[in-house]
């Protein structure tokens, strides 16, 4: 096929969402690099405001998803 015709074609490669087993493996691989004995190496510091976690939980519980995002995620 001539190059001019090739440029007019739209090629799309669709990838499916990974299956549950693959998704679990991705999370397990990420988790395998975390070592709770070395928290000082990842710059975790105590919160100055202990109520911050409660406020964050309330914010998350009231968060809503736009219909377009719902369709995309579904």
PDB file of N, CA and C in Angstrom:
ATOM      1  N   UNK A   1       0.854  -1.166   0.000  1.00  0.00           N
ATOM      2  CA  UNK A   1       0.000   0.000   0.000  1.00  0.00           C
ATOM      3  C   UNK A   1       0.908   1.239   0.000  1.00  0.00           C
ATOM      4  N   UNK A   2       0.611   2.221  -0.830  1.00  0.00           N
ATOM      5  CA  UNK A   2       1.427   3.437  -0.863  1.00  0.00           C
ATOM      6  C   UNK A   2       1.388   4.175   0.483  1.00  0.00           C
ATOM      7  N   UNK A   3       2.466   4.881   0.784  1.00  0.00           N
ATOM      8  CA  UNK A   3       2.586   5.578   2.065  1.00  0.00           C
ATOM      9  C   UNK A   3       1.454   6.580   2.283  1.00  0.00           C
ATOM     10  N   UNK A   4       1.025   7.259   1.254  1.00  0.00           N
ATOM     11  CA  UNK A   4      -0.067   8.223   1.383  1.00  0.00           C
ATOM     12  C   UNK A   4      -1.342   7.551   1.860  1.00  0.00           C
ATOM     13  N   UNK A   5      -1.592   6.335   1.389  1.00  0.00           N
ATOM     14  CA  UNK A   5      -2.786   5.614   1.834  1.00  0.00           C
ATOM     15  C   UNK A   5      -2.619   5.099   3.266  1.00  0.00           C
ATOM     16  N   UNK A   6      -1.401   4.678   3.607  1.00  0.00           N
ATOM     17  CA  UNK A   6      -1.155   4.197   4.961  1.00  0.00           C
ATOM     18  C   UNK A   6      -1.410   5.302   5.988  1.00  0.00           C
ATOM     19  N   UNK A   7      -1.038   6.545   5.652  1.00  0.00           N
ATOM     20  CA  UNK A   7      -1.230   7.659   6.572  1.00  0.00           C
ATOM     21  C   UNK A   7      -2.708   7.948   6.818  1.00  0.00           C
ATOM     22  N   UNK A   8      -3.553   7.572   5.879  1.00  0.00           N
ATOM     23  CA  UNK A   8      -4.975   7.856   6.039  1.00  0.00           C
ATOM     24  C   UNK A   8      -5.687   6.805   6.893  1.00  0.00           C
ATOM     25  N   UNK A   9      -5.011   5.705   7.176  1.00  0.00           N
ATOM     26  CA  UNK A   9      -5.612   4.650   7.994  1.00  0.00           C
ATOM     27  C   UNK A   9      -5.423   4.970   9.476  1.00  0.00           C
ATOM     28  N   UNK A  10      -6.414   4.644  10.224  1.00  0.00           N
ATOM     29  CA  UNK A  10      -6.326   4.818  11.671  1.00  0.00           C
ATOM     30  C   UNK A  10      -6.212   3.427  12.278  1.00  0.00           C
ATOM     31  N   UNK A  11      -5.097   3.173  12.919  1.00  0.00           N
ATOM     32  CA  UNK A  11      -4.873   1.865  13.537  1.00  0.00           C
ATOM     33  C   UNK A  11      -5.004   2.029  15.036  1.00  0.00           C
ATOM     34  N   UNK A  12      -5.815   1.200  15.624  1.00  0.00           N
ATOM     35  CA  UNK A  12      -6.053   1.286  17.061  1.00  0.00           C
ATOM     36  C   UNK A  12      -5.882  -0.104  17.658  1.00  0.00           C
ATOM     37  N   UNK A  13      -5.102  -0.186  18.710  1.00  0.00           N
ATOM     38  CA  UNK A  13      -4.891  -1.445  19.405  1.00  0.00           C
ATOM     39  C   UNK A  13      -5.600  -1.346  20.750  1.00  0.00           C
ATOM     40  N   UNK A  14      -6.617  -2.145  20.934  1.00  0.00           N
ATOM     41  CA  UNK A  14      -7.386  -2.095  22.177  1.00  0.00           C
ATOM     42  C   UNK A  14      -6.842  -3.123  23.152  1.00  0.00           C
ATOM     43  N   UNK A  15      -6.613  -2.686  24.361  1.00  0.00           N
ATOM     44  CA  UNK A  15      -6.147  -3.579  25.413  1.00  0.00           C
ATOM     45  C   UNK A  15      -7.279  -3.774  26.403  1.00  0.00           C
ATOM     46  N   UNK A  16      -7.528  -5.000  26.745  1.00  0.00           N
ATOM     47  CA  UNK A  16      -8.541  -5.292  27.752  1.00  0.00           C
ATOM     48  C   UNK A  16      -7.993  -4.988  29.135  1.00  0.00           C
ATOM     49  N   UNK A  17      -8.910  -4.725  30.059  1.00  0.00           N
ATOM     50  CA  UNK A  17      -8.522  -4.544  31.449  1.00  0.00           C
ATOM     51  C   UNK A  17      -7.971  -5.874  31.945  1.00  0.00           C
ATOM     52  N   UNK A  18      -6.896  -5.858  32.740  1.00  0.00           N
ATOM     53  CA  UNK A  18      -6.329  -7.135  33.202  1.00  0.00           C
ATOM     54  C   UNK A  18      -7.331  -7.929  34.033  1.00  0.00           C
ATOM     55  N   UNK A  19      -7.236  -9.221  33.957  1.00  0.00           N
ATOM     56  CA  UNK A  19      -8.099 -10.091  34.748  1.00  0.00           C
ATOM     57  C   UNK A  19      -7.782  -9.972  36.226  1.00  0.00           C
ATOM     58  N   UNK A  20      -8.664 -10.523  37.035  1.00  0.00           N
ATOM     59  CA  UNK A  20      -8.514 -10.407  38.485  1.00  0.00           C
ATOM     60  C   UNK A  20      -7.179 -10.985  38.965  1.00  0.00           C
ATOM     61  N   UNK A  21      -6.802 -12.134  38.422  1.00  0.00           N
ATOM     62  CA  UNK A  21      -5.554 -12.766  38.849  1.00  0.00           C
ATOM     63  C   UNK A  21      -4.347 -11.887  38.499  1.00  0.00           C
ATOM     64  N   UNK A  22      -4.354 -11.313  37.310  1.00  0.00           N
ATOM     65  CA  UNK A  22      -3.255 -10.438  36.907  1.00  0.00           C
ATOM     66  C   UNK A  22      -3.213  -9.174  37.771  1.00  0.00           C
ATOM     67  N   UNK A  23      -4.369  -8.624  38.053  1.00  0.00           N
ATOM     68  CA  UNK A  23      -4.444  -7.432  38.893  1.00  0.00           C
ATOM     69  C   UNK A  23      -3.896  -7.724  40.293  1.00  0.00           C
ATOM     70  N   UNK A  24      -4.263  -8.873  40.847  1.00  0.00           N
ATOM     71  CA  UNK A  24      -3.761  -9.247  42.171  1.00  0.00           C
ATOM     72  C   UNK A  24      -2.245  -9.414  42.151  1.00  0.00           C
ATOM     73  N   UNK A  25      -1.720  -9.951  41.055  1.00  0.00           N
ATOM     74  CA  UNK A  25      -0.275 -10.129  40.947  1.00  0.00           C
ATOM     75  C   UNK A  25       0.441  -8.790  40.877  1.00  0.00           C
ATOM     76  N   UNK A  26      -0.137  -7.841  40.169  1.00  0.00           N
ATOM     77  CA  UNK A  26       0.451  -6.501  40.088  1.00  0.00           C
ATOM     78  C   UNK A  26       0.518  -5.883  41.481  1.00  0.00           C
ATOM     79  N   UNK A  27      -0.574  -5.981  42.227  1.00  0.00           N
ATOM     80  CA  UNK A  27      -0.610  -5.416  43.583  1.00  0.00           C
ATOM     81  C   UNK A  27       0.375  -6.149  44.493  1.00  0.00           C
ATOM     82  N   UNK A  28       0.443  -7.466  44.371  1.00  0.00           N
ATOM     83  CA  UNK A  28       1.371  -8.245  45.207  1.00  0.00           C
ATOM     84  C   UNK A  28       2.819  -7.883  44.886  1.00  0.00           C
ATOM     85  N   UNK A  29       3.128  -7.688  43.621  1.00  0.00           N
ATOM     86  CA  UNK A  29       4.492  -7.299  43.255  1.00  0.00           C
ATOM     87  C   UNK A  29       4.851  -5.941  43.845  1.00  0.00           C
ATOM     88  N   UNK A  30       3.906  -4.990  43.776  1.00  0.00           N
ATOM     89  CA  UNK A  30       4.159  -3.675  44.348  1.00  0.00           C
ATOM     90  C   UNK A  30       4.343  -3.797  45.850  1.00  0.00           C
ATOM     91  N   UNK A  31       3.472  -4.578  46.469  1.00  0.00           N
ATOM     92  CA  UNK A  31       3.505  -4.733  47.914  1.00  0.00           C
ATOM     93  C   UNK A  31       4.787  -5.420  48.376  1.00  0.00           C
ATOM     94  N   UNK A  32       5.345  -6.278  47.558  1.00  0.00           N
ATOM     95  CA  UNK A  32       6.545  -7.022  47.947  1.00  0.00           C
ATOM     96  C   UNK A  32       7.737  -6.098  48.193  1.00  0.00           C
ATOM     97  N   UNK A  33       7.719  -4.904  47.621  1.00  0.00           N
ATOM     98  CA  UNK A  33       8.825  -3.977  47.821  1.00  0.00           C
ATOM     99  C   UNK A  33       8.702  -3.138  49.069  1.00  0.00           C
ATOM    100  N   UNK A  34       7.602  -3.239  49.768  1.00  0.00           N
ATOM    101  CA  UNK A  34       7.373  -2.429  50.968  1.00  0.00           C
ATOM    102  C   UNK A  34       7.854  -3.186  52.186  1.00  0.00           C
ATOM    103  N   UNK A  35       8.656  -2.535  52.994  1.00  0.00           N
ATOM    104  CA  UNK A  35       9.164  -3.162  54.202  1.00  0.00           C
ATOM    105  C   UNK A  35       8.856  -2.239  55.374  1.00  0.00           C
ATOM    106  N   UNK A  36       7.931  -2.656  56.215  1.00  0.00           N
ATOM    107  CA  UNK A  36       7.513  -1.800  57.333  1.00  0.00           C
ATOM    108  C   UNK A  36       8.626  -1.589  58.349  1.00  0.00           C
ATOM    109  N   UNK A  37       9.691  -2.353  58.270  1.00  0.00           N
ATOM    110  CA  UNK A  37      10.814  -2.165  59.189  1.00  0.00           C
ATOM    111  C   UNK A  37      11.721  -1.009  58.756  1.00  0.00           C
ATOM    112  N   UNK A  38      11.461  -0.473  57.543  1.00  0.00           N
ATOM    113  CA  UNK A  38      12.310   0.613  57.041  1.00  0.00           C
ATOM    114  C   UNK A  38      11.484   1.876  56.781  1.00  0.00           C
ATOM    115  N   UNK A  39      10.513   2.151  57.618  1.00  0.00           N
ATOM    116  CA  UNK A  39       9.669   3.330  57.433  1.00  0.00           C
ATOM    117  C   UNK A  39      10.470   4.621  57.472  1.00  0.00           C
ATOM    118  N   UNK A  40      11.545   4.622  58.198  1.00  0.00           N
ATOM    119  CA  UNK A  40      12.376   5.830  58.269  1.00  0.00           C
ATOM    120  C   UNK A  40      12.997   6.158  56.911  1.00  0.00           C
ATOM    121  N   UNK A  41      13.084   5.194  56.014  1.00  0.00           N
ATOM    122  CA  UNK A  41      13.658   5.416  54.690  1.00  0.00           C
ATOM    123  C   UNK A  41      12.657   6.021  53.706  1.00  0.00           C
ATOM    124  N   UNK A  42      11.379   6.018  54.046  1.00  0.00           N
ATOM    125  CA  UNK A  42      10.369   6.546  53.127  1.00  0.00           C
ATOM    126  C   UNK A  42       9.757   7.851  53.639  1.00  0.00           C
ATOM    127  N   UNK A  43      10.375   8.461  54.599  1.00  0.00           N
ATOM    128  CA  UNK A  43       9.980   9.776  55.103  1.00  0.00           C
ATOM    129  C   UNK A  43       8.542   9.836  55.608  1.00  0.00           C
ATOM    130  N   UNK A  44       8.125   8.858  56.355  1.00  0.00           N
ATOM    131  CA  UNK A  44       6.804   8.896  56.981  1.00  0.00           C
ATOM    132  C   UNK A  44       6.942   9.606  58.315  1.00  0.00           C
ATOM    133  N   UNK A  45       6.096  10.596  58.499  1.00  0.00           N
ATOM    134  CA  UNK A  45       6.133  11.361  59.736  1.00  0.00           C
ATOM    135  C   UNK A  45       4.751  11.347  60.375  1.00  0.00           C
ATOM    136  N   UNK A  46       4.672  11.423  61.696  1.00  0.00           N
ATOM    137  CA  UNK A  46       3.370  11.454  62.357  1.00  0.00           C
ATOM    138  C   UNK A  46       2.601  12.719  61.974  1.00  0.00           C
ATOM    139  N   UNK A  47       1.284  12.592  61.957  1.00  0.00           N
ATOM    140  CA  UNK A  47       0.444  13.750  61.674  1.00  0.00           C
ATOM    141  C   UNK A  47       0.418  14.674  62.878  1.00  0.00           C
ATOM    142  N   UNK A  48       0.507  15.943  62.594  1.00  0.00           N
ATOM    143  CA  UNK A  48       0.418  16.922  63.678  1.00  0.00           C
ATOM    144  C   UNK A  48      -1.004  17.004  64.211  1.00  0.00           C
ATOM    145  N   UNK A  49      -1.970  16.720  63.343  1.00  0.00           N
ATOM    146  CA  UNK A  49      -3.386  16.808  63.694  1.00  0.00           C
ATOM    147  C   UNK A  49      -4.009  15.419  63.589  1.00  0.00           C
ATOM    148  N   UNK A  50      -4.236  14.778  64.723  1.00  0.00           N
ATOM    149  CA  UNK A  50      -4.764  13.413  64.730  1.00  0.00           C
ATOM    150  C   UNK A  50      -6.154  13.319  64.110  1.00  0.00           C
ATOM    151  N   UNK A  51      -6.918  14.416  64.115  1.00  0.00           N
ATOM    152  CA  UNK A  51      -8.263  14.399  63.527  1.00  0.00           C
ATOM    153  C   UNK A  51      -8.238  14.443  62.008  1.00  0.00           C
ATOM    154  N   UNK A  52      -7.081  14.625  61.412  1.00  0.00           N
ATOM    155  CA  UNK A  52      -6.980  14.712  59.951  1.00  0.00           C
ATOM    156  C   UNK A  52      -7.476  13.421  59.285  1.00  0.00           C
ATOM    157  N   UNK A  53      -7.178  12.291  59.883  1.00  0.00           N
ATOM    158  CA  UNK A  53      -7.601  11.019  59.296  1.00  0.00           C
ATOM    159  C   UNK A  53      -9.121  10.921  59.287  1.00  0.00           C
ATOM    160  N   UNK A  54      -9.753  11.298  60.380  1.00  0.00           N
ATOM    161  CA  UNK A  54     -11.223  11.276  60.438  1.00  0.00           C
ATOM    162  C   UNK A  54     -11.827  12.202  59.397  1.00  0.00           C
ATOM    163  N   UNK A  55     -11.247  13.382  59.239  1.00  0.00           N
ATOM    164  CA  UNK A  55     -11.758  14.321  58.238  1.00  0.00           C
ATOM    165  C   UNK A  55     -11.589  13.755  56.825  1.00  0.00           C
ATOM    166  N   UNK A  56     -10.462  13.148  56.569  1.00  0.00           N
ATOM    167  CA  UNK A  56     -10.227  12.539  55.247  1.00  0.00           C
ATOM    168  C   UNK A  56     -11.233  11.420  54.983  1.00  0.00           C
ATOM    169  N   UNK A  57     -11.494  10.607  55.972  1.00  0.00           N
ATOM    170  CA  UNK A  57     -12.481   9.532  55.806  1.00  0.00           C
ATOM    171  C   UNK A  57     -13.859  10.099  55.489  1.00  0.00           C
ATOM    172  N   UNK A  58     -14.242  11.179  56.166  1.00  0.00           N
ATOM    173  CA  UNK A  58     -15.530  11.811  55.880  1.00  0.00           C
ATOM    174  C   UNK A  58     -15.563  12.344  54.453  1.00  0.00           C
ATOM    175  N   UNK A  59     -14.490  12.973  54.025  1.00  0.00           N
ATOM    176  CA  UNK A  59     -14.428  13.500  52.658  1.00  0.00           C
ATOM    177  C   UNK A  59     -14.583  12.378  51.637  1.00  0.00           C
ATOM    178  N   UNK A  60     -13.877  11.288  51.860  1.00  0.00           N
ATOM    179  CA  UNK A  60     -13.947  10.163  50.920  1.00  0.00           C
ATOM    180  C   UNK A  60     -15.349   9.566  50.903  1.00  0.00           C
ATOM    181  N   UNK A  61     -15.975   9.467  52.059  1.00  0.00           N
ATOM    182  CA  UNK A  61     -17.310   8.857  52.123  1.00  0.00           C
ATOM    183  C   UNK A  61     -18.366   9.703  51.422  1.00  0.00           C
ATOM    184  N   UNK A  62     -18.103  11.008  51.257  1.00  0.00           N
ATOM    185  CA  UNK A  62     -19.083  11.862  50.588  1.00  0.00           C
ATOM    186  C   UNK A  62     -18.731  12.126  49.117  1.00  0.00           C
ATOM    187  N   UNK A  63     -17.606  11.605  48.673  1.00  0.00           N
ATOM    188  CA  UNK A  63     -17.195  11.816  47.275  1.00  0.00           C
ATOM    189  C   UNK A  63     -18.150  11.096  46.334  1.00  0.00           C
ATOM    190  N   UNK A  64     -18.460  11.733  45.222  1.00  0.00           N
ATOM    191  CA  UNK A  64     -19.345  11.148  44.214  1.00  0.00           C
ATOM    192  C   UNK A  64     -18.624  11.112  42.878  1.00  0.00           C
ATOM    193  N   UNK A  65     -19.018  10.160  42.048  1.00  0.00           N
ATOM    194  CA  UNK A  65     -18.393   9.966  40.758  1.00  0.00           C
ATOM    195  C   UNK A  65     -19.312  10.451  39.644  1.00  0.00           C
ATOM    196  N   UNK A  66     -18.785  11.255  38.744  1.00  0.00           N
ATOM    197  CA  UNK A  66     -19.559  11.745  37.610  1.00  0.00           C
ATOM    198  C   UNK A  66     -20.027  10.571  36.750  1.00  0.00           C
ATOM    199  N   UNK A  67     -21.203  10.678  36.133  1.00  0.00           N
ATOM    200  CA  UNK A  67     -21.739   9.578  35.301  1.00  0.00           C
ATOM    201  C   UNK A  67     -20.758   9.101  34.214  1.00  0.00           C
ATOM    202  N   UNK A  68     -20.046  10.034  33.579  1.00  0.00           N
ATOM    203  CA  UNK A  68     -19.083   9.635  32.556  1.00  0.00           C
ATOM    204  C   UNK A  68     -17.975   8.776  33.121  1.00  0.00           C
ATOM    205  N   UNK A  69     -17.519   9.099  34.324  1.00  0.00           N
ATOM    206  CA  UNK A  69     -16.480   8.300  34.969  1.00  0.00           C
ATOM    207  C   UNK A  69     -17.046   6.947  35.381  1.00  0.00           C
ATOM    208  N   UNK A  70     -18.303   6.937  35.832  1.00  0.00           N
ATOM    209  CA  UNK A  70     -18.953   5.676  36.186  1.00  0.00           C
ATOM    210  C   UNK A  70     -18.993   4.734  34.986  1.00  0.00           C
ATOM    211  N   UNK A  71     -19.361   5.282  33.824  1.00  0.00           N
ATOM    212  CA  UNK A  71     -19.425   4.445  32.619  1.00  0.00           C
ATOM    213  C   UNK A  71     -18.049   3.928  32.245  1.00  0.00           C
ATOM    214  N   UNK A  72     -17.047   4.797  32.369  1.00  0.00           N
ATOM    215  CA  UNK A  72     -15.674   4.401  32.031  1.00  0.00           C
ATOM    216  C   UNK A  72     -15.179   3.311  32.973  1.00  0.00           C
ATOM    217  N   UNK A  73     -15.463   3.477  34.263  1.00  0.00           N
ATOM    218  CA  UNK A  73     -14.992   2.519  35.262  1.00  0.00           C
ATOM    219  C   UNK A  73     -15.756   1.205  35.206  1.00  0.00           C
ATOM    220  N   UNK A  74     -16.999   1.270  34.713  1.00  0.00           N
ATOM    221  CA  UNK A  74     -17.833   0.064  34.675  1.00  0.00           C
ATOM    222  C   UNK A  74     -17.446  -0.810  33.570  1.00  0.00           C
TER     223      UNK A  74
END
